C-alpha atoms as a PDB file:
ATOM      1  CA  MET A   1     154.570  49.848 -75.174  1.00  0.00           C
ATOM      2  CA  GLY A   2     157.378  51.149 -77.404  1.00  0.00           C
ATOM      3  CA  PHE A   3     161.043  51.034 -76.817  1.00  0.00           C
ATOM      4  CA  ALA A   4     161.402  54.371 -75.083  1.00  0.00           C
ATOM      5  CA  ASP A   5     158.516  53.563 -72.549  1.00  0.00           C
ATOM      6  CA  SER A   6     160.022  50.044 -71.664  1.00  0.00           C
ATOM      7  CA  ALA A   7     163.716  50.659 -71.828  1.00  0.00           C
ATOM      8  CA  MET A   8     164.430  54.052 -70.239  1.00  0.00           C
ATOM      9  CA  ALA A   9     167.604  54.910 -68.484  1.00  0.00           C
ATOM     10  CA  THR A  10     165.795  56.500 -65.603  1.00  0.00           C
ATOM     11  CA  PRO A  11     162.064  57.378 -64.815  1.00  0.00           C
ATOM     12  CA  ALA A  12     160.836  60.601 -66.456  1.00  0.00           C
ATOM     13  CA  ARG A  13     161.578  63.672 -64.487  1.00  0.00           C
ATOM     14  CA  GLU A  14     158.372  65.302 -63.062  1.00  0.00           C
ATOM     15  CA  ASN A  15     160.144  68.584 -62.220  1.00  0.00           C
ATOM     16  CA  GLN A  16     161.613  70.230 -65.276  1.00  0.00           C
ATOM     17  CA  VAL A  17     162.736  73.423 -63.548  1.00  0.00           C
ATOM     18  CA  ARG A  18     166.326  73.910 -64.056  1.00  0.00           C
ATOM     19  CA  ARG A  19     168.781  76.514 -62.672  1.00  0.00           C
ATOM     20  CA  ILE A  20     171.497  76.889 -65.154  1.00  0.00           C
ATOM     21  CA  GLY A  21     174.104  79.476 -64.432  1.00  0.00           C
ATOM     22  CA  ALA A  22     172.389  82.758 -63.463  1.00  0.00           C
ATOM     23  CA  ARG A  23     169.127  81.743 -65.192  1.00  0.00           C
ATOM     24  CA  THR A  24     166.113  79.563 -64.283  1.00  0.00           C
ATOM     25  CA  PHE A  25     164.182  77.705 -66.994  1.00  0.00           C
ATOM     26  CA  ASP A  26     160.805  75.772 -66.672  1.00  0.00           C
ATOM     27  CA  PHE A  27     161.294  73.188 -69.369  1.00  0.00           C
ATOM     28  CA  ASP A  28     157.790  72.014 -69.009  1.00  0.00           C
ATOM     29  CA  ARG A  29     156.648  75.153 -70.789  1.00  0.00           C
ATOM     30  CA  GLU A  30     159.738  77.138 -71.915  1.00  0.00           C
ATOM     31  CA  VAL A  31     162.214  76.728 -74.680  1.00  0.00           C
ATOM     32  CA  ALA A  32     165.817  78.111 -74.494  1.00  0.00           C
ATOM     33  CA  VAL A  33     167.596  79.523 -77.642  1.00  0.00           C
ATOM     34  CA  MET A  34     171.080  78.589 -77.770  1.00  0.00           C
ATOM     35  CA  ALA A  35     173.171  80.837 -80.156  1.00  0.00           C
ATOM     36  CA  VAL A  36     176.104  79.337 -81.818  1.00  0.00           C
ATOM     37  CA  ILE A  37     179.516  81.164 -81.372  1.00  0.00           C
ATOM     38  CA  ASN A  38     182.353  79.502 -83.327  1.00  0.00           C
ATOM     39  CA  ARG A  39     185.857  80.833 -82.462  1.00  0.00           C
ATOM     40  CA  THR A  40     187.321  78.650 -85.289  1.00  0.00           C
ATOM     41  CA  PRO A  41     188.744  79.282 -88.699  1.00  0.00           C
ATOM     42  CA  ASP A  42     186.940  76.204 -90.157  1.00  0.00           C
ATOM     43  CA  SER A  43     183.453  76.108 -88.936  1.00  0.00           C
ATOM     44  CA  PHE A  44     181.064  74.593 -91.462  1.00  0.00           C
ATOM     45  CA  PHE A  45     178.605  77.534 -91.273  1.00  0.00           C
ATOM     46  CA  ASP A  46     180.362  80.984 -90.531  1.00  0.00           C
ATOM     47  CA  LYS A  47     183.728  79.946 -92.209  1.00  0.00           C
ATOM     48  CA  GLY A  48     185.739  81.807 -89.487  1.00  0.00           C
ATOM     49  CA  SER A  49     183.815  84.926 -89.371  1.00  0.00           C
ATOM     50  CA  THR A  50     183.901  85.058 -85.646  1.00  0.00           C
ATOM     51  CA  PHE A  51     187.436  83.583 -85.130  1.00  0.00           C
ATOM     52  CA  ALA A  52     188.912  86.809 -84.015  1.00  0.00           C
ATOM     53  CA  LEU A  53     188.471  87.333 -80.110  1.00  0.00           C
ATOM     54  CA  ASP A  54     186.721  90.791 -80.539  1.00  0.00           C
ATOM     55  CA  LYS A  55     184.353  89.351 -83.111  1.00  0.00           C
ATOM     56  CA  ALA A  56     183.444  86.298 -81.128  1.00  0.00           C
ATOM     57  CA  VAL A  57     182.658  88.481 -78.088  1.00  0.00           C
ATOM     58  CA  ALA A  58     180.633  90.944 -80.094  1.00  0.00           C
ATOM     59  CA  ALA A  59     178.607  88.178 -81.743  1.00  0.00           C
ATOM     60  CA  SER A  60     177.821  86.591 -78.361  1.00  0.00           C
ATOM     61  CA  LEU A  61     176.689  89.868 -76.832  1.00  0.00           C
ATOM     62  CA  GLN A  62     174.670  90.627 -80.032  1.00  0.00           C
ATOM     63  CA  ALA A  63     172.950  87.283 -79.792  1.00  0.00           C
ATOM     64  CA  VAL A  64     171.920  88.320 -76.200  1.00  0.00           C
ATOM     65  CA  LYS A  65     170.397  91.488 -77.441  1.00  0.00           C
ATOM     66  CA  ASP A  66     168.675  89.475 -80.126  1.00  0.00           C
ATOM     67  CA  GLY A  67     167.086  87.381 -77.465  1.00  0.00           C
ATOM     68  CA  ALA A  68     169.221  84.363 -76.977  1.00  0.00           C
ATOM     69  CA  ASP A  69     169.018  82.640 -73.750  1.00  0.00           C
ATOM     70  CA  TRP A  70     172.196  80.839 -74.040  1.00  0.00           C
ATOM     71  CA  VAL A  71     175.507  81.153 -76.022  1.00  0.00           C
ATOM     72  CA  ASP A  72     177.494  78.032 -77.148  1.00  0.00           C
ATOM     73  CA  VAL A  73     181.196  78.826 -77.584  1.00  0.00           C
ATOM     74  CA  GLY A  74     183.290  76.395 -79.588  1.00  0.00           C
ATOM     75  CA  GLY A  75     186.923  76.294 -80.247  1.00  0.00           C
ATOM     76  CA  VAL A  76     187.288  73.073 -82.211  1.00  0.00           C
ATOM     77  CA  PRO A  77     184.645  71.718 -84.493  1.00  0.00           C
ATOM     78  CA  PHE A  78     183.719  67.998 -83.977  1.00  0.00           C
ATOM     79  CA  GLY A  79     183.966  66.990 -87.614  1.00  0.00           C
ATOM     80  CA  ARG A  80     186.974  65.962 -89.680  1.00  0.00           C
ATOM     81  CA  GLY A  81     189.982  68.270 -89.689  1.00  0.00           C
ATOM     82  CA  PRO A  82     193.562  68.769 -88.276  1.00  0.00           C
ATOM     83  CA  VAL A  83     194.143  68.234 -84.641  1.00  0.00           C
ATOM     84  CA  VAL A  84     194.020  71.348 -82.422  1.00  0.00           C
ATOM     85  CA  SER A  85     196.154  71.312 -79.322  1.00  0.00           C
ATOM     86  CA  ARG A  86     194.908  71.775 -75.809  1.00  0.00           C
ATOM     87  CA  ASP A  87     196.641  75.158 -75.334  1.00  0.00           C
ATOM     88  CA  GLU A  88     195.272  76.494 -78.707  1.00  0.00           C
ATOM     89  CA  GLU A  89     191.815  75.397 -77.800  1.00  0.00           C
ATOM     90  CA  LEU A  90     192.083  77.058 -74.262  1.00  0.00           C
ATOM     91  CA  GLU A  91     193.302  80.174 -76.038  1.00  0.00           C
ATOM     92  CA  ARG A  92     190.410  80.282 -78.251  1.00  0.00           C
ATOM     93  CA  VAL A  93     187.721  79.525 -75.845  1.00  0.00           C
ATOM     94  CA  VAL A  94     188.598  80.839 -72.274  1.00  0.00           C
ATOM     95  CA  PRO A  95     188.966  84.632 -73.172  1.00  0.00           C
ATOM     96  CA  VAL A  96     185.664  84.549 -74.921  1.00  0.00           C
ATOM     97  CA  VAL A  97     183.979  82.982 -72.005  1.00  0.00           C
ATOM     98  CA  ALA A  98     185.472  85.353 -69.487  1.00  0.00           C
ATOM     99  CA  ALA A  99     184.398  88.397 -71.535  1.00  0.00           C
ATOM    100  CA  ILE A 100     180.721  87.195 -71.867  1.00  0.00           C
ATOM    101  CA  ALA A 101     180.447  86.408 -68.261  1.00  0.00           C
ATOM    102  CA  ALA A 102     181.744  89.803 -67.323  1.00  0.00           C
ATOM    103  CA  ALA A 103     179.202  91.485 -69.401  1.00  0.00           C
ATOM    104  CA  SER A 104     175.987  89.393 -69.262  1.00  0.00           C
ATOM    105  CA  ASP A 105     174.271  86.879 -67.129  1.00  0.00           C
ATOM    106  CA  VAL A 106     173.286  84.807 -70.229  1.00  0.00           C
ATOM    107  CA  VAL A 107     173.965  80.987 -69.841  1.00  0.00           C
ATOM    108  CA  ILE A 108     177.408  80.222 -71.459  1.00  0.00           C
ATOM    109  CA  SER A 109     178.159  76.709 -72.600  1.00  0.00           C
ATOM    110  CA  VAL A 110     181.415  75.509 -74.182  1.00  0.00           C
ATOM    111  CA  ASP A 111     181.287  72.879 -77.024  1.00  0.00           C
ATOM    112  CA  THR A 112     184.398  70.786 -76.210  1.00  0.00           C
ATOM    113  CA  PHE A 113     185.411  67.075 -75.776  1.00  0.00           C
ATOM    114  CA  SER A 114     188.515  68.052 -73.683  1.00  0.00           C
ATOM    115  CA  ALA A 115     188.075  67.604 -69.875  1.00  0.00           C
ATOM    116  CA  ALA A 116     190.987  70.027 -69.358  1.00  0.00           C
ATOM    117  CA  VAL A 117     189.300  72.573 -71.433  1.00  0.00           C
ATOM    118  CA  ALA A 118     185.934  71.953 -69.903  1.00  0.00           C
ATOM    119  CA  SER A 119     187.464  72.674 -66.400  1.00  0.00           C
ATOM    120  CA  ALA A 120     189.131  75.899 -67.381  1.00  0.00           C
ATOM    121  CA  ALA A 121     186.085  77.193 -69.150  1.00  0.00           C
ATOM    122  CA  ILE A 122     184.064  76.471 -66.189  1.00  0.00           C
ATOM    123  CA  ALA A 123     186.356  78.358 -64.055  1.00  0.00           C
ATOM    124  CA  ALA A 124     186.189  81.245 -66.549  1.00  0.00           C
ATOM    125  CA  GLY A 125     182.422  81.480 -66.316  1.00  0.00           C
ATOM    126  CA  ALA A 126     180.852  78.697 -68.379  1.00  0.00           C
ATOM    127  CA  ALA A 127     177.749  76.985 -66.767  1.00  0.00           C
ATOM    128  CA  VAL A 128     177.379  74.054 -69.332  1.00  0.00           C
ATOM    129  CA  ILE A 129     179.809  71.750 -71.148  1.00  0.00           C
ATOM    130  CA  ASN A 130     178.348  70.658 -74.456  1.00  0.00           C
ATOM    131  CA  ASP A 131     180.201  67.433 -75.124  1.00  0.00           C
ATOM    132  CA  THR A 132     179.401  66.549 -78.762  1.00  0.00           C
ATOM    133  CA  SER A 133     181.666  63.449 -78.492  1.00  0.00           C
ATOM    134  CA  GLY A 134     179.608  61.647 -76.012  1.00  0.00           C
ATOM    135  CA  LEU A 135     182.311  61.433 -73.310  1.00  0.00           C
ATOM    136  CA  TYR A 136     185.220  60.466 -75.658  1.00  0.00           C
ATOM    137  CA  ASP A 137     187.529  61.955 -73.121  1.00  0.00           C
ATOM    138  CA  PRO A 138     187.234  59.433 -70.072  1.00  0.00           C
ATOM    139  CA  ASP A 139     187.849  62.341 -67.615  1.00  0.00           C
ATOM    140  CA  MET A 140     185.076  64.505 -68.845  1.00  0.00           C
ATOM    141  CA  ALA A 141     182.349  63.276 -66.549  1.00  0.00           C
ATOM    142  CA  SER A 142     184.449  63.576 -63.381  1.00  0.00           C
ATOM    143  CA  ALA A 143     185.744  66.901 -64.487  1.00  0.00           C
ATOM    144  CA  VAL A 144     182.265  68.298 -64.823  1.00  0.00           C
ATOM    145  CA  ALA A 145     181.122  66.481 -61.599  1.00  0.00           C
ATOM    146  CA  ALA A 146     183.666  68.462 -59.646  1.00  0.00           C
ATOM    147  CA  THR A 147     181.825  71.626 -60.359  1.00  0.00           C
ATOM    148  CA  GLY A 148     178.247  72.859 -60.325  1.00  0.00           C
ATOM    149  CA  ALA A 149     178.085  72.765 -64.238  1.00  0.00           C
ATOM    150  CA  THR A 150     175.461  71.037 -66.490  1.00  0.00           C
ATOM    151  CA  LEU A 151     176.684  68.439 -68.949  1.00  0.00           C
ATOM    152  CA  VAL A 152     175.208  67.878 -72.430  1.00  0.00           C
ATOM    153  CA  LEU A 153     175.363  64.195 -73.465  1.00  0.00           C
ATOM    154  CA  THR A 154     175.360  63.951 -77.227  1.00  0.00           C
ATOM    155  CA  HIS A 155     175.179  60.811 -79.567  1.00  0.00           C
ATOM    156  CA  SER A 156     178.136  60.397 -81.766  1.00  0.00           C
ATOM    157  CA  MET A 157     180.128  57.256 -82.753  1.00  0.00           C
ATOM    158  CA  SER A 158     183.384  58.317 -84.232  1.00  0.00           C
ATOM    159  CA  PRO A 159     186.335  60.144 -82.550  1.00  0.00           C
ATOM    160  CA  PRO A 160     186.428  63.876 -82.850  1.00  0.00           C
ATOM    161  CA  ARG A 161     188.167  65.288 -86.024  1.00  0.00           C
ATOM    162  CA  ALA A 162     188.390  61.891 -87.613  1.00  0.00           C
ATOM    163  CA  GLU A 163     186.953  60.622 -90.912  1.00  0.00           C
ATOM    164  CA  PRO A 164     183.739  59.124 -89.896  1.00  0.00           C
ATOM    165  CA  PRO A 165     182.775  55.636 -90.909  1.00  0.00           C
ATOM    166  CA  LYS A 166     179.615  55.002 -92.901  1.00  0.00           C
ATOM    167  CA  PRO A 167     176.920  55.014 -90.380  1.00  0.00           C
ATOM    168  CA  GLU A 168     174.742  51.930 -90.016  1.00  0.00           C
ATOM    169  CA  TYR A 169     172.064  51.271 -87.425  1.00  0.00           C
ATOM    170  CA  VAL A 170     169.560  48.633 -86.683  1.00  0.00           C
ATOM    171  CA  ASP A 171     166.984  51.274 -85.625  1.00  0.00           C
ATOM    172  CA  VAL A 172     168.653  54.742 -85.317  1.00  0.00           C
ATOM    173  CA  VAL A 173     166.385  55.864 -82.526  1.00  0.00           C
ATOM    174  CA  HIS A 174     166.689  52.788 -80.457  1.00  0.00           C
ATOM    175  CA  ASP A 175     170.552  52.709 -80.893  1.00  0.00           C
ATOM    176  CA  VAL A 176     170.674  56.494 -80.011  1.00  0.00           C
ATOM    177  CA  ILE A 177     168.565  55.770 -76.635  1.00  0.00           C
ATOM    178  CA  ALA A 178     170.905  52.853 -75.845  1.00  0.00           C
ATOM    179  CA  PHE A 179     173.985  54.975 -76.278  1.00  0.00           C
ATOM    180  CA  LEU A 180     172.445  57.926 -74.339  1.00  0.00           C
ATOM    181  CA  ARG A 181     171.284  55.676 -71.543  1.00  0.00           C
ATOM    182  CA  ASP A 182     174.935  54.345 -71.257  1.00  0.00           C
ATOM    183  CA  ARG A 183     176.349  57.863 -71.073  1.00  0.00           C
ATOM    184  CA  ILE A 184     173.666  58.930 -68.533  1.00  0.00           C
ATOM    185  CA  GLU A 185     174.816  55.982 -66.311  1.00  0.00           C
ATOM    186  CA  ARG A 186     178.491  57.050 -66.725  1.00  0.00           C
ATOM    187  CA  ALA A 187     177.692  60.639 -65.765  1.00  0.00           C
ATOM    188  CA  GLN A 188     175.667  59.497 -62.811  1.00  0.00           C
ATOM    189  CA  ALA A 189     178.583  57.157 -61.679  1.00  0.00           C
ATOM    190  CA  ALA A 190     180.927  60.015 -61.905  1.00  0.00           C
ATOM    191  CA  GLY A 191     178.621  62.068 -59.464  1.00  0.00           C
ATOM    192  CA  ILE A 192     176.605  64.277 -61.808  1.00  0.00           C
ATOM    193  CA  PRO A 193     172.981  64.486 -60.468  1.00  0.00           C
ATOM    194  CA  ASP A 194     170.170  64.096 -62.880  1.00  0.00           C
ATOM    195  CA  GLU A 195     169.207  67.858 -62.682  1.00  0.00           C
ATOM    196  CA  ARG A 196     172.638  68.656 -64.341  1.00  0.00           C
ATOM    197  CA  ILE A 197     172.122  66.293 -67.316  1.00  0.00           C
ATOM    198  CA  ILE A 198     170.879  67.307 -70.721  1.00  0.00           C
ATOM    199  CA  VAL A 199     170.682  64.947 -73.801  1.00  0.00           C
ATOM    200  CA  ASP A 200     171.206  65.526 -77.514  1.00  0.00           C
ATOM    201  CA  PRO A 201     170.440  62.874 -80.137  1.00  0.00           C
ATOM    202  CA  GLY A 202     173.332  64.473 -82.414  1.00  0.00           C
ATOM    203  CA  HIS A 203     171.534  65.178 -85.669  1.00  0.00           C
ATOM    204  CA  ASP A 204     174.011  64.559 -88.566  1.00  0.00           C
ATOM    205  CA  LEU A 205     176.781  63.284 -86.108  1.00  0.00           C
ATOM    206  CA  ASN A 206     177.694  59.842 -87.748  1.00  0.00           C
ATOM    207  CA  LYS A 207     174.199  59.863 -89.239  1.00  0.00           C
ATOM    208  CA  ASN A 208     173.060  60.388 -92.839  1.00  0.00           C
ATOM    209  CA  THR A 209     169.987  62.405 -94.014  1.00  0.00           C
ATOM    210  CA  TYR A 210     167.453  59.602 -93.543  1.00  0.00           C
ATOM    211  CA  HIS A 211     168.849  58.828 -89.982  1.00  0.00           C
ATOM    212  CA  SER A 212     168.397  62.533 -88.971  1.00  0.00           C
ATOM    213  CA  LEU A 213     164.891  62.825 -90.365  1.00  0.00           C
ATOM    214  CA  GLU A 214     163.933  59.597 -88.495  1.00  0.00           C
ATOM    215  CA  LEU A 215     165.487  61.060 -85.273  1.00  0.00           C
ATOM    216  CA  THR A 216     163.316  64.334 -85.765  1.00  0.00           C
ATOM    217  CA  ARG A 217     160.133  62.766 -86.373  1.00  0.00           C
ATOM    218  CA  ARG A 218     160.643  60.339 -83.314  1.00  0.00           C
ATOM    219  CA  LEU A 219     162.287  62.808 -81.173  1.00  0.00           C
ATOM    220  CA  HIS A 220     159.722  62.086 -78.467  1.00  0.00           C
ATOM    221  CA  GLU A 221     161.256  58.790 -77.878  1.00  0.00           C
ATOM    222  CA  ILE A 222     164.506  60.621 -76.978  1.00  0.00           C
ATOM    223  CA  VAL A 223     162.512  63.015 -74.807  1.00  0.00           C
ATOM    224  CA  ALA A 224     160.930  60.200 -72.981  1.00  0.00           C
ATOM    225  CA  LEU A 225     164.246  59.452 -71.282  1.00  0.00           C
ATOM    226  CA  GLY A 226     163.219  62.371 -69.026  1.00  0.00           C
ATOM    227  CA  TYR A 227     165.876  64.833 -69.430  1.00  0.00           C
ATOM    228  CA  PRO A 228     165.756  68.267 -71.162  1.00  0.00           C
ATOM    229  CA  THR A 229     166.633  67.492 -74.851  1.00  0.00           C
ATOM    230  CA  LEU A 230     168.641  69.685 -77.071  1.00  0.00           C
ATOM    231  CA  ALA A 231     168.103  69.727 -80.724  1.00  0.00           C
ATOM    232  CA  ALA A 232     171.036  70.998 -82.761  1.00  0.00           C
ATOM    233  CA  VAL A 233     169.609  71.150 -86.223  1.00  0.00           C
ATOM    234  CA  SER A 234     170.396  74.689 -87.485  1.00  0.00           C
ATOM    235  CA  ASN A 235     171.952  74.489 -91.085  1.00  0.00           C
ATOM    236  CA  LYS A 236     172.750  70.738 -90.873  1.00  0.00           C
ATOM    237  CA  ASP A 237     173.285  68.776 -94.128  1.00  0.00           C
ATOM    238  CA  PHE A 238     170.170  66.725 -93.500  1.00  0.00           C
ATOM    239  CA  ILE A 239     168.260  69.959 -94.036  1.00  0.00           C
ATOM    240  CA  GLY A 240     170.248  70.960 -97.112  1.00  0.00           C
ATOM    241  CA  GLU A 241     169.919  67.549 -98.838  1.00  0.00           C
ATOM    242  CA  THR A 242     166.093  67.425 -97.958  1.00  0.00           C
ATOM    243  CA  ILE A 243     165.186  70.821 -99.533  1.00  0.00           C
ATOM    244  CA  ASP A 244     167.975  71.128-101.974  1.00  0.00           C
ATOM    245  CA  ARG A 245     169.630  74.067-100.247  1.00  0.00           C
ATOM    246  CA  GLU A 246     173.419  74.900-100.013  1.00  0.00           C
ATOM    247  CA  GLN A 247     175.047  76.020 -96.862  1.00  0.00           C
ATOM    248  CA  GLY A 248     173.857  79.652 -96.178  1.00  0.00           C
ATOM    249  CA  ALA A 249     170.292  79.085 -97.590  1.00  0.00           C
ATOM    250  CA  ARG A 250     168.937  76.843 -95.138  1.00  0.00           C
ATOM    251  CA  LEU A 251     167.151  79.161 -92.659  1.00  0.00           C
ATOM    252  CA  GLU A 252     163.590  78.148 -93.515  1.00  0.00           C
ATOM    253  CA  GLY A 253     164.310  74.531 -93.211  1.00  0.00           C
ATOM    254  CA  SER A 254     166.249  74.971 -89.994  1.00  0.00           C
ATOM    255  CA  LEU A 255     163.396  76.870 -88.396  1.00  0.00           C
ATOM    256  CA  ALA A 256     160.891  74.190 -89.559  1.00  0.00           C
ATOM    257  CA  ALA A 257     163.052  71.506 -88.027  1.00  0.00           C
ATOM    258  CA  ALA A 258     163.466  73.319 -84.905  1.00  0.00           C
ATOM    259  CA  VAL A 259     159.715  74.018 -84.345  1.00  0.00           C
ATOM    260  CA  PHE A 260     158.915  70.331 -85.257  1.00  0.00           C
ATOM    261  CA  CYS A 261     161.534  69.351 -82.531  1.00  0.00           C
ATOM    262  CA  ILE A 262     159.871  71.697 -79.928  1.00  0.00           C
ATOM    263  CA  VAL A 263     156.506  70.108 -80.709  1.00  0.00           C
ATOM    264  CA  GLU A 264     158.105  66.700 -80.192  1.00  0.00           C
ATOM    265  CA  GLY A 265     159.524  67.700 -76.772  1.00  0.00           C
ATOM    266  CA  ALA A 266     162.921  69.422 -77.409  1.00  0.00           C
ATOM    267  CA  ARG A 267     163.458  72.308 -74.908  1.00  0.00           C
ATOM    268  CA  ILE A 268     166.878  73.856 -75.993  1.00  0.00           C
ATOM    269  CA  ILE A 269     167.292  74.678 -79.605  1.00  0.00           C
ATOM    270  CA  ARG A 270     170.791  75.307 -81.007  1.00  0.00           C
ATOM    271  CA  MET A 271     170.749  78.032 -83.719  1.00  0.00           C
ATOM    272  CA  HIS A 272     172.732  80.334 -85.903  1.00  0.00           C
ATOM    273  CA  ASP A 273     170.227  82.965 -86.930  1.00  0.00           C
ATOM    274  CA  VAL A 274     169.158  84.150 -83.452  1.00  0.00           C
ATOM    275  CA  PRO A 275     166.509  86.849 -84.344  1.00  0.00           C
ATOM    276  CA  ALA A 276     164.555  84.399 -86.673  1.00  0.00           C
ATOM    277  CA  SER A 277     164.911  81.549 -84.274  1.00  0.00           C
ATOM    278  CA  VAL A 278     163.748  83.602 -81.307  1.00  0.00           C
ATOM    279  CA  ALA A 279     160.706  84.661 -83.198  1.00  0.00           C
ATOM    280  CA  ALA A 280     159.877  81.141 -84.187  1.00  0.00           C
ATOM    281  CA  VAL A 281     160.453  79.759 -80.713  1.00  0.00           C
ATOM    282  CA  ARG A 282     158.397  82.422 -79.078  1.00  0.00           C
ATOM    283  CA  MET A 283     155.489  81.938 -81.384  1.00  0.00           C
ATOM    284  CA  THR A 284     155.533  78.334 -80.933  1.00  0.00           C
ATOM    285  CA  GLU A 285     155.375  78.748 -77.182  1.00  0.00           C
ATOM    286  CA  ALA A 286     152.387  80.937 -77.628  1.00  0.00           C
ATOM    287  CA  ILE A 287     150.639  78.480 -79.879  1.00  0.00           C
ATOM    288  CA  LEU A 288     151.117  75.828 -77.200  1.00  0.00           C
ATOM    289  CA  GLY A 289     149.607  77.999 -74.653  1.00  0.00           C
ATOM    290  CA  TRP A 290     152.797  78.734 -72.611  1.00  0.00           C
ATOM    291  CA  ARG A 291     153.378  82.397 -73.472  1.00  0.00           C
ATOM    292  CA  GLU A 292     151.109  85.337 -73.696  1.00  0.00           C
ATOM    293  CA  PRO A 293     151.119  87.578 -76.786  1.00  0.00           C
ATOM    294  CA  ALA A 294     153.492  90.657 -76.515  1.00  0.00           C
ATOM    295  CA  TRP A 295     150.262  92.847 -77.192  1.00  0.00           C
ATOM    296  CA  THR A 296     146.771  92.230 -78.399  1.00  0.00           C
ATOM    297  CA  LEU A 297     144.754  94.834 -80.422  1.00  0.00           C
ATOM    298  CA  HIS A 298     143.297  92.970 -83.293  1.00  0.00           C
ATOM    299  CA  ASN A 299     139.452  92.609 -82.840  1.00  0.00           C
ATOM    300  CA  MET A 300     139.838  93.330 -78.957  1.00  0.00           C
ATOM    301  CA  GLY A 301     136.998  95.993 -79.189  1.00  0.00           C
END
């Protein structure tokens, strides 16, 4: 019996049907594609191309047309950089959320580590708070608990926007599981029910390439916690370092990592290139026997 079998935070969930916002997902046989929308001037991938409000809204609605089930709006990157005030983050995030909610029933999440921003975003129409800091703000869990929103609990070790320390783990997968188990217990204690919890092992967050590769190949151990698992692998440095590709040339590696994570049990995939990701995810669902082909003519007689 492995660590994930003997030391789970909670028993595995038998019913993986989730109502998130206006949409229902059966995570036993369905994968949600989460599109990344950065309303920041310093995001590592798009370099501010969707920083303007109209461009952020347009990119979000285009992602929906391209097949995204979910859009993840961020106003402040987790990584090192200057502090962004709460008022500035609110100004970046809330108008985008409100505009998307007015135009689409797509699931909207907000990538934030601020409880105040989370509350405002939910009031504007967000159904999920994607807290990549792992409850760095002590008020985050209670803020989300006061609503009907879902909370993504992510493994990360250093404070947001800070220079991260050199990551060291006894066993990265075991350590991530222990961290997530603790955060699950905090969320539960604040009043968030299990059906409103998602976990994310945090690829590249306070992890080197070897750590992220290990998490990917052993993702089933994270999935064994029993919660829908989000894999945010798109364009990450562990992909670039593994296949020797600079930022902007990592699509193939991102798709390979995403598909592998799905096979390992991930049910939400956070991706930048929506059309390619949707195609890869839907093909994977069909191979796994969860989805019928769109049409069949070849050798059908």
